[in-house]
Amino acid sequence: MTGEYRTLDGSRILELIRPDREGSTNLSLARATIEPGRSTLRHLHREAEEVYYVLSGEGALEISLQVERVGPGDAWLIPPGAEHRVTCVGAEPLVILCACSPPYRHEDTKITEPVIT
């Protein structure tokens, strides 16, 4: 496993399964961490469908402008092309497993909100 890094949407990612490393052909799996009070940038994946599974923390998950509270044990399917973002609303970091099929690629991610620097 390689170290954590920040992905295009702003979450802290630890890749667990990658095609180029483990040989998966249809799936990638990563652990994402969002700090309290922070959100990922609203974004979409043109090709990949994604599943979020909450390991710990409390969040607000927005998919196609619908917002749901999420917590440990919750799982959500995010279809290709659906804008989404997640916000950590609790006092502890929000930790999510993210499975993508086909595997995650930066080139498949489109940020859909202005980036303020």
N, C-alpha and C. Protein backbone atom coordinates (compact mmCIF):
# COMPACT_ATOMS: atom_id res chain seq x y z
N MET A 1 0.83 -1.18 0.00
CA MET A 1 0.00 0.00 0.00
C MET A 1 0.88 1.25 0.00
N THR A 2 0.46 2.23 -0.75
CA THR A 2 1.17 3.50 -0.75
C THR A 2 0.57 4.41 0.33
N GLY A 3 1.17 5.56 0.54
CA GLY A 3 0.70 6.48 1.56
C GLY A 3 -0.57 7.21 1.16
N GLU A 4 -1.12 7.94 2.11
CA GLU A 4 -2.31 8.73 1.85
C GLU A 4 -1.97 9.92 0.97
N TYR A 5 -2.97 10.39 0.23
CA TYR A 5 -2.83 11.60 -0.57
C TYR A 5 -4.19 12.28 -0.67
N ARG A 6 -4.21 13.52 -1.13
CA ARG A 6 -5.46 14.25 -1.36
C ARG A 6 -5.88 14.02 -2.79
N THR A 7 -7.14 13.68 -3.00
CA THR A 7 -7.65 13.47 -4.34
C THR A 7 -8.26 14.77 -4.86
N LEU A 8 -8.75 14.76 -6.10
CA LEU A 8 -9.29 15.96 -6.71
C LEU A 8 -10.44 16.59 -5.92
N ASP A 9 -11.25 15.76 -5.24
CA ASP A 9 -12.39 16.31 -4.51
C ASP A 9 -12.02 16.85 -3.13
N GLY A 10 -10.76 16.68 -2.71
CA GLY A 10 -10.29 17.24 -1.45
C GLY A 10 -10.23 16.28 -0.29
N SER A 11 -10.71 15.04 -0.46
CA SER A 11 -10.66 14.08 0.64
C SER A 11 -9.25 13.48 0.74
N ARG A 12 -8.94 12.99 1.94
CA ARG A 12 -7.67 12.30 2.17
C ARG A 12 -7.90 10.82 1.87
N ILE A 13 -7.12 10.26 0.95
CA ILE A 13 -7.37 8.91 0.42
C ILE A 13 -6.21 7.98 0.74
N LEU A 14 -6.55 6.76 1.12
CA LEU A 14 -5.59 5.66 1.20
C LEU A 14 -6.10 4.58 0.27
N GLU A 15 -5.40 4.33 -0.82
CA GLU A 15 -5.83 3.31 -1.77
C GLU A 15 -5.55 1.93 -1.18
N LEU A 16 -6.56 1.06 -1.25
CA LEU A 16 -6.44 -0.29 -0.70
C LEU A 16 -6.30 -1.33 -1.81
N ILE A 17 -7.04 -1.17 -2.89
CA ILE A 17 -6.98 -2.07 -4.05
C ILE A 17 -6.91 -1.23 -5.31
N ARG A 18 -5.88 -1.45 -6.12
CA ARG A 18 -5.67 -0.71 -7.38
C ARG A 18 -5.31 -1.71 -8.48
N PRO A 19 -5.82 -1.49 -9.70
CA PRO A 19 -5.49 -2.39 -10.80
C PRO A 19 -3.99 -2.54 -11.04
N ASP A 20 -3.27 -1.43 -11.01
CA ASP A 20 -1.84 -1.50 -11.32
C ASP A 20 -1.02 -2.18 -10.22
N ARG A 21 -1.60 -2.34 -9.04
CA ARG A 21 -0.86 -2.93 -7.92
C ARG A 21 -1.33 -4.35 -7.60
N GLU A 22 -2.65 -4.52 -7.45
CA GLU A 22 -3.20 -5.82 -7.07
C GLU A 22 -3.75 -6.62 -8.25
N GLY A 23 -3.86 -5.98 -9.41
CA GLY A 23 -4.32 -6.68 -10.61
C GLY A 23 -5.82 -6.72 -10.79
N SER A 24 -6.58 -5.93 -10.01
CA SER A 24 -8.03 -5.91 -10.21
C SER A 24 -8.33 -5.32 -11.59
N THR A 25 -9.36 -5.81 -12.23
CA THR A 25 -9.68 -5.31 -13.57
C THR A 25 -10.93 -4.43 -13.59
N ASN A 26 -11.81 -4.58 -12.61
CA ASN A 26 -13.08 -3.87 -12.65
C ASN A 26 -13.40 -3.05 -11.41
N LEU A 27 -12.46 -2.94 -10.47
CA LEU A 27 -12.79 -2.33 -9.19
C LEU A 27 -11.56 -1.71 -8.54
N SER A 28 -11.78 -0.58 -7.88
CA SER A 28 -10.79 -0.03 -6.96
C SER A 28 -11.47 0.19 -5.62
N LEU A 29 -10.67 0.16 -4.55
CA LEU A 29 -11.20 0.36 -3.20
C LEU A 29 -10.26 1.28 -2.45
N ALA A 30 -10.83 2.29 -1.81
CA ALA A 30 -10.02 3.25 -1.06
C ALA A 30 -10.75 3.63 0.22
N ARG A 31 -9.96 4.11 1.19
CA ARG A 31 -10.52 4.66 2.41
C ARG A 31 -10.36 6.18 2.33
N ALA A 32 -11.48 6.89 2.46
CA ALA A 32 -11.47 8.36 2.41
C ALA A 32 -11.72 8.90 3.82
N THR A 33 -11.01 9.96 4.17
CA THR A 33 -11.20 10.62 5.45
C THR A 33 -11.51 12.09 5.20
N ILE A 34 -12.60 12.57 5.82
CA ILE A 34 -12.99 13.97 5.72
C ILE A 34 -12.98 14.52 7.14
N GLU A 35 -12.26 15.58 7.35
CA GLU A 35 -12.10 16.17 8.68
C GLU A 35 -13.38 16.89 9.11
N PRO A 36 -13.60 17.02 10.43
CA PRO A 36 -14.79 17.71 10.93
C PRO A 36 -14.95 19.11 10.33
N GLY A 37 -16.18 19.40 9.92
CA GLY A 37 -16.49 20.70 9.34
C GLY A 37 -16.07 20.87 7.89
N ARG A 38 -15.47 19.86 7.29
CA ARG A 38 -15.00 19.94 5.91
C ARG A 38 -15.92 19.14 4.99
N SER A 39 -15.91 19.51 3.72
CA SER A 39 -16.67 18.81 2.67
C SER A 39 -15.74 18.47 1.53
N THR A 40 -16.09 17.44 0.80
CA THR A 40 -15.44 17.23 -0.48
C THR A 40 -16.02 18.24 -1.45
N LEU A 41 -15.34 18.48 -2.54
CA LEU A 41 -15.91 19.31 -3.59
C LEU A 41 -17.00 18.52 -4.32
N ARG A 42 -18.07 19.22 -4.72
CA ARG A 42 -19.11 18.56 -5.51
C ARG A 42 -18.46 18.12 -6.83
N HIS A 43 -18.69 16.87 -7.19
CA HIS A 43 -18.05 16.32 -8.37
C HIS A 43 -18.88 15.16 -8.93
N LEU A 44 -18.47 14.68 -10.07
CA LEU A 44 -19.09 13.49 -10.66
C LEU A 44 -18.00 12.65 -11.32
N HIS A 45 -18.36 11.41 -11.57
CA HIS A 45 -17.50 10.50 -12.33
C HIS A 45 -18.25 10.16 -13.60
N ARG A 46 -17.64 10.41 -14.73
CA ARG A 46 -18.32 10.21 -16.02
C ARG A 46 -18.65 8.74 -16.26
N GLU A 47 -17.74 7.84 -15.92
CA GLU A 47 -17.92 6.41 -16.21
C GLU A 47 -18.15 5.56 -14.97
N ALA A 48 -17.47 5.87 -13.88
CA ALA A 48 -17.48 4.98 -12.72
C ALA A 48 -18.75 5.14 -11.89
N GLU A 49 -19.27 4.00 -11.43
CA GLU A 49 -20.24 4.04 -10.36
C GLU A 49 -19.44 3.83 -9.08
N GLU A 50 -19.96 4.39 -7.99
CA GLU A 50 -19.20 4.39 -6.74
C GLU A 50 -20.13 3.97 -5.62
N VAL A 51 -19.58 3.22 -4.68
CA VAL A 51 -20.31 2.87 -3.46
C VAL A 51 -19.54 3.48 -2.29
N TYR A 52 -20.26 4.21 -1.44
CA TYR A 52 -19.71 4.73 -0.19
C TYR A 52 -20.23 3.85 0.94
N TYR A 53 -19.33 3.39 1.80
CA TYR A 53 -19.70 2.64 3.00
C TYR A 53 -19.05 3.35 4.19
N VAL A 54 -19.87 3.85 5.11
CA VAL A 54 -19.37 4.64 6.23
C VAL A 54 -18.82 3.71 7.32
N LEU A 55 -17.53 3.91 7.64
CA LEU A 55 -16.90 3.15 8.72
C LEU A 55 -17.07 3.83 10.06
N SER A 56 -16.88 5.17 10.09
CA SER A 56 -17.01 5.89 11.35
C SER A 56 -17.28 7.37 11.07
N GLY A 57 -17.82 8.04 12.07
CA GLY A 57 -18.13 9.45 11.94
C GLY A 57 -19.56 9.68 11.47
N GLU A 58 -19.91 10.94 11.38
CA GLU A 58 -21.26 11.34 10.95
C GLU A 58 -21.11 12.31 9.78
N GLY A 59 -22.00 12.15 8.79
CA GLY A 59 -21.89 13.00 7.63
C GLY A 59 -23.23 13.35 7.00
N ALA A 60 -23.14 14.23 6.03
CA ALA A 60 -24.26 14.57 5.16
C ALA A 60 -23.80 14.26 3.75
N LEU A 61 -24.47 13.31 3.11
CA LEU A 61 -24.11 12.89 1.76
C LEU A 61 -25.12 13.47 0.78
N GLU A 62 -24.62 14.22 -0.18
CA GLU A 62 -25.45 14.83 -1.21
C GLU A 62 -25.21 14.07 -2.51
N ILE A 63 -26.30 13.55 -3.09
CA ILE A 63 -26.25 12.89 -4.39
C ILE A 63 -27.35 13.52 -5.24
N SER A 64 -26.96 14.13 -6.36
CA SER A 64 -27.93 14.79 -7.24
C SER A 64 -28.85 15.73 -6.48
N LEU A 65 -28.27 16.55 -5.61
CA LEU A 65 -28.94 17.58 -4.81
C LEU A 65 -29.87 17.03 -3.72
N GLN A 66 -29.91 15.72 -3.51
CA GLN A 66 -30.65 15.12 -2.40
C GLN A 66 -29.65 14.86 -1.28
N VAL A 67 -29.96 15.32 -0.06
CA VAL A 67 -29.03 15.19 1.06
C VAL A 67 -29.59 14.21 2.08
N GLU A 68 -28.74 13.29 2.53
CA GLU A 68 -29.10 12.30 3.55
C GLU A 68 -28.03 12.31 4.63
N ARG A 69 -28.45 12.16 5.87
CA ARG A 69 -27.50 11.97 6.97
C ARG A 69 -26.96 10.55 6.87
N VAL A 70 -25.67 10.38 7.13
CA VAL A 70 -25.05 9.06 7.07
C VAL A 70 -24.20 8.83 8.31
N GLY A 71 -24.10 7.57 8.69
CA GLY A 71 -23.29 7.17 9.84
C GLY A 71 -22.78 5.76 9.66
N PRO A 72 -22.08 5.25 10.65
CA PRO A 72 -21.47 3.92 10.54
C PRO A 72 -22.47 2.85 10.09
N GLY A 73 -22.03 2.06 9.10
CA GLY A 73 -22.85 0.98 8.56
C GLY A 73 -23.72 1.37 7.39
N ASP A 74 -23.82 2.66 7.08
CA ASP A 74 -24.62 3.09 5.93
C ASP A 74 -23.85 2.89 4.63
N ALA A 75 -24.56 2.46 3.60
CA ALA A 75 -23.97 2.27 2.27
C ALA A 75 -24.86 2.96 1.24
N TRP A 76 -24.21 3.63 0.26
CA TRP A 76 -24.93 4.36 -0.76
C TRP A 76 -24.29 4.12 -2.12
N LEU A 77 -25.12 3.90 -3.13
CA LEU A 77 -24.66 3.78 -4.51
C LEU A 77 -24.74 5.15 -5.17
N ILE A 78 -23.66 5.54 -5.82
CA ILE A 78 -23.61 6.79 -6.57
C ILE A 78 -23.44 6.43 -8.05
N PRO A 79 -24.49 6.62 -8.85
CA PRO A 79 -24.43 6.23 -10.26
C PRO A 79 -23.46 7.11 -11.06
N PRO A 80 -22.97 6.61 -12.19
CA PRO A 80 -22.14 7.44 -13.07
C PRO A 80 -22.90 8.71 -13.46
N GLY A 81 -22.19 9.84 -13.46
CA GLY A 81 -22.78 11.10 -13.86
C GLY A 81 -23.53 11.83 -12.76
N ALA A 82 -23.72 11.22 -11.59
CA ALA A 82 -24.45 11.88 -10.50
C ALA A 82 -23.50 12.77 -9.71
N GLU A 83 -23.84 14.07 -9.65
CA GLU A 83 -23.04 14.97 -8.82
C GLU A 83 -23.18 14.55 -7.36
N HIS A 84 -22.07 14.61 -6.64
CA HIS A 84 -22.11 14.24 -5.23
C HIS A 84 -21.00 14.92 -4.44
N ARG A 85 -21.23 15.00 -3.15
CA ARG A 85 -20.21 15.44 -2.20
C ARG A 85 -20.65 14.97 -0.82
N VAL A 86 -19.70 14.95 0.09
CA VAL A 86 -19.99 14.53 1.45
C VAL A 86 -19.35 15.53 2.41
N THR A 87 -20.06 15.78 3.51
CA THR A 87 -19.61 16.72 4.54
C THR A 87 -19.54 16.00 5.87
N CYS A 88 -18.46 16.21 6.59
CA CYS A 88 -18.34 15.67 7.95
C CYS A 88 -19.07 16.63 8.88
N VAL A 89 -20.14 16.15 9.53
CA VAL A 89 -20.94 17.01 10.40
C VAL A 89 -20.72 16.71 11.88
N GLY A 90 -19.92 15.72 12.20
CA GLY A 90 -19.66 15.36 13.59
C GLY A 90 -18.36 15.93 14.09
N ALA A 91 -18.04 15.61 15.33
CA ALA A 91 -16.81 16.09 15.97
C ALA A 91 -15.60 15.25 15.60
N GLU A 92 -15.82 14.06 15.08
CA GLU A 92 -14.74 13.15 14.67
C GLU A 92 -14.68 13.08 13.15
N PRO A 93 -13.52 12.72 12.59
CA PRO A 93 -13.44 12.58 11.13
C PRO A 93 -14.46 11.57 10.61
N LEU A 94 -14.94 11.81 9.40
CA LEU A 94 -15.82 10.88 8.69
C LEU A 94 -14.93 9.98 7.86
N VAL A 95 -15.04 8.67 8.07
CA VAL A 95 -14.19 7.71 7.36
C VAL A 95 -15.10 6.80 6.53
N ILE A 96 -14.82 6.75 5.23
CA ILE A 96 -15.68 6.04 4.28
C ILE A 96 -14.84 5.11 3.42
N LEU A 97 -15.34 3.91 3.16
CA LEU A 97 -14.77 3.07 2.11
C LEU A 97 -15.43 3.46 0.81
N CYS A 98 -14.62 3.64 -0.24
CA CYS A 98 -15.12 4.04 -1.55
C CYS A 98 -14.72 2.97 -2.56
N ALA A 99 -15.71 2.29 -3.12
CA ALA A 99 -15.46 1.30 -4.16
C ALA A 99 -15.91 1.89 -5.49
N CYS A 100 -15.05 1.84 -6.50
CA CYS A 100 -15.37 2.38 -7.83
C CYS A 100 -15.24 1.29 -8.88
N SER A 101 -16.21 1.26 -9.79
CA SER A 101 -16.17 0.35 -10.92
C SER A 101 -16.66 1.08 -12.15
N PRO A 102 -15.85 1.22 -13.22
CA PRO A 102 -14.46 0.79 -13.29
C PRO A 102 -13.61 1.53 -12.27
N PRO A 103 -12.36 1.08 -12.07
CA PRO A 103 -11.50 1.67 -11.05
C PRO A 103 -11.37 3.19 -11.17
N TYR A 104 -11.19 3.84 -10.01
CA TYR A 104 -11.03 5.29 -9.96
C TYR A 104 -9.86 5.75 -10.82
N ARG A 105 -10.12 6.83 -11.56
CA ARG A 105 -9.08 7.54 -12.33
C ARG A 105 -9.36 9.03 -12.19
N HIS A 106 -8.31 9.81 -11.97
CA HIS A 106 -8.49 11.27 -11.90
C HIS A 106 -9.17 11.79 -13.16
N GLU A 107 -8.84 11.21 -14.31
CA GLU A 107 -9.38 11.68 -15.59
C GLU A 107 -10.89 11.49 -15.71
N ASP A 108 -11.45 10.60 -14.89
CA ASP A 108 -12.89 10.34 -14.92
C ASP A 108 -13.66 11.27 -13.99
N THR A 109 -12.94 12.07 -13.21
CA THR A 109 -13.55 12.94 -12.21
C THR A 109 -13.68 14.36 -12.75
N LYS A 110 -14.88 14.93 -12.63
CA LYS A 110 -15.12 16.31 -13.03
C LYS A 110 -15.61 17.08 -11.81
N ILE A 111 -14.88 18.10 -11.39
CA ILE A 111 -15.30 18.98 -10.30
C ILE A 111 -16.39 19.89 -10.87
N THR A 112 -17.53 19.98 -10.16
CA THR A 112 -18.69 20.70 -10.71
C THR A 112 -19.05 21.95 -9.91
N GLU A 113 -18.18 22.38 -9.02
CA GLU A 113 -18.42 23.62 -8.29
C GLU A 113 -17.15 24.44 -8.34
N PRO A 114 -17.27 25.76 -8.19
CA PRO A 114 -16.07 26.60 -8.23
C PRO A 114 -15.10 26.23 -7.12
N VAL A 115 -13.83 26.22 -7.44
CA VAL A 115 -12.79 25.96 -6.45
C VAL A 115 -12.29 27.30 -5.94
N ILE A 116 -12.42 27.52 -4.64
CA ILE A 116 -11.97 28.78 -4.03
C ILE A 116 -10.62 28.52 -3.39
N THR A 117 -9.64 29.32 -3.78
CA THR A 117 -8.30 29.11 -3.23
C THR A 117 -7.92 30.20 -2.26
